[in-house]
Each structure stands twice: as C-alpha cells, then as structure tokens.
Amino acid sequence: MSEGPQWHLDVETAKRECRTCLDKWQGQIERLRQLVENSDAFGPDALRVSFEESIPDMTQAAQASIARLQILIQIRAGKVNYGGSEERID
C-alpha cells in the first residue's frame, strides 16, 4: 500500500478536519448573510465588490469541506485514493 499522510487513515482526525472545514465554510456563509442583511447600507458598486471579494474565501472553504468529507467517506468505506489508485485499508 502507498503511504499517504497518516491522518487520512484516522477516522477521528478526519472527522475533526471535517468539522473544522465546515465551521470555516459556515463562517463564510454568515459573512454573506450579513452582507444581505446590511445590503441597504451599500451602494450598488460597493455591494458588488464586497460580494466579489467574498467569493475566493467561500470557494476555498467549500472545496476544503467537500475534500475532507470525501476523505472521511473513503476511510469509512475502507479505501483511500492516492493519486488515482484505490487502495483498501482494512
């Protein structure tokens, strides 16, 4: 079996990583909620700029959450993909 990072094989660590990433994603969603709630305080250009500035962080948080969830699912299924090759970790 190829040796990947050790945390890939530890369910509890994978769960913790998932929670951390989901918390970060939730923080970005909360930032957008606040932007919606305070949108009347912004001019159209300022609102657009604020939204556009939030997109990279939102995208990164979402992608990190999805990646960590996929790793957790692979661990729970007893297999992990390393560079496209699937290996059993029973």
Protein backbone atom coordinates (compact mmCIF):
# COMPACT_ATOMS: atom_id res chain seq x y z
CA MET A 1 0.00 0.00 0.00
CA SER A 2 1.24 3.51 -0.79
CA GLU A 3 1.88 5.56 2.28
CA GLY A 4 -0.28 8.66 2.40
CA PRO A 5 -0.45 11.16 5.22
CA GLN A 6 -1.28 9.29 8.44
CA TRP A 7 -4.35 11.42 9.27
CA HIS A 8 -6.02 10.07 6.13
CA LEU A 9 -6.37 6.75 7.91
CA ASP A 10 -7.68 8.01 11.26
CA VAL A 11 -11.47 8.41 11.40
CA GLU A 12 -11.47 10.70 14.43
CA THR A 13 -8.88 13.01 12.90
CA ALA A 14 -10.80 13.01 9.61
CA LYS A 15 -13.99 13.94 11.48
CA ARG A 16 -12.19 16.76 13.27
CA GLU A 17 -10.83 18.02 9.94
CA CYS A 18 -14.37 17.92 8.51
CA ARG A 19 -15.78 19.89 11.43
CA THR A 20 -13.02 22.49 11.16
CA CYS A 21 -13.60 22.97 7.44
CA LEU A 22 -17.38 23.07 7.83
CA ASP A 23 -17.01 25.70 10.57
CA LYS A 24 -14.90 27.83 8.24
CA TRP A 25 -17.46 27.40 5.46
CA GLN A 26 -20.26 28.34 7.88
CA GLY A 27 -18.30 31.48 8.80
CA GLN A 28 -18.16 32.46 5.13
CA ILE A 29 -21.90 31.82 4.76
CA GLU A 30 -22.51 34.02 7.81
CA ARG A 31 -20.44 36.75 6.17
CA LEU A 32 -22.74 36.58 3.13
CA ARG A 33 -25.83 36.64 5.36
CA GLN A 34 -24.54 39.82 6.99
CA LEU A 35 -23.91 41.30 3.56
CA VAL A 36 -27.53 40.54 2.61
CA GLU A 37 -28.87 41.98 5.86
CA ASN A 38 -26.77 45.15 5.52
CA SER A 39 -27.11 45.47 1.75
CA ASP A 40 -29.14 48.69 2.05
CA ALA A 41 -26.10 50.37 3.60
CA PHE A 42 -24.02 49.73 0.46
CA GLY A 43 -24.14 51.44 -2.89
CA PRO A 44 -24.54 49.07 -5.86
CA ASP A 45 -20.81 49.08 -6.70
CA ALA A 46 -19.73 48.60 -3.08
CA LEU A 47 -22.19 45.72 -2.67
CA ARG A 48 -20.87 44.04 -5.82
CA VAL A 49 -17.25 44.50 -4.72
CA SER A 50 -17.99 43.12 -1.24
CA PHE A 51 -19.68 40.10 -2.77
CA GLU A 52 -16.87 39.52 -5.28
CA GLU A 53 -14.25 39.79 -2.53
CA SER A 54 -16.01 37.06 -0.56
CA ILE A 55 -16.08 34.54 -3.43
CA PRO A 56 -12.45 33.23 -3.18
CA ASP A 57 -12.75 32.52 0.57
CA MET A 58 -16.20 30.98 0.12
CA THR A 59 -14.97 28.78 -2.71
CA GLN A 60 -11.89 27.67 -0.80
CA ALA A 61 -13.93 26.84 2.32
CA ALA A 62 -16.50 24.88 0.29
CA GLN A 63 -13.87 22.92 -1.63
CA ALA A 64 -11.94 22.11 1.54
CA SER A 65 -15.13 20.86 3.20
CA ILE A 66 -16.01 18.66 0.24
CA ALA A 67 -12.49 17.25 0.05
CA ARG A 68 -12.44 16.40 3.76
CA LEU A 69 -15.88 14.78 3.53
CA GLN A 70 -14.71 12.66 0.60
CA ILE A 71 -11.69 11.52 2.60
CA LEU A 72 -13.90 10.62 5.57
CA ILE A 73 -16.23 8.66 3.29
CA GLN A 74 -13.28 6.77 1.79
CA ILE A 75 -11.92 5.94 5.23
CA ARG A 76 -15.33 4.73 6.41
CA ALA A 77 -15.61 2.59 3.26
CA GLY A 78 -12.17 1.10 3.99
CA LYS A 79 -10.42 2.52 0.95
CA VAL A 80 -8.42 5.62 0.13
CA ASN A 81 -7.42 7.01 -3.27
CA TYR A 82 -3.79 8.07 -3.59
CA GLY A 83 -3.10 9.75 -6.91
CA GLY A 84 -5.96 7.99 -8.70
CA SER A 85 -5.17 4.44 -7.50
CA GLU A 86 -7.57 2.99 -4.98
CA GLU A 87 -6.18 1.02 -2.07
CA ARG A 88 -8.01 -0.96 0.64
CA ILE A 89 -7.16 -0.01 4.23
CA ASP A 90 -8.84 -2.90 6.07
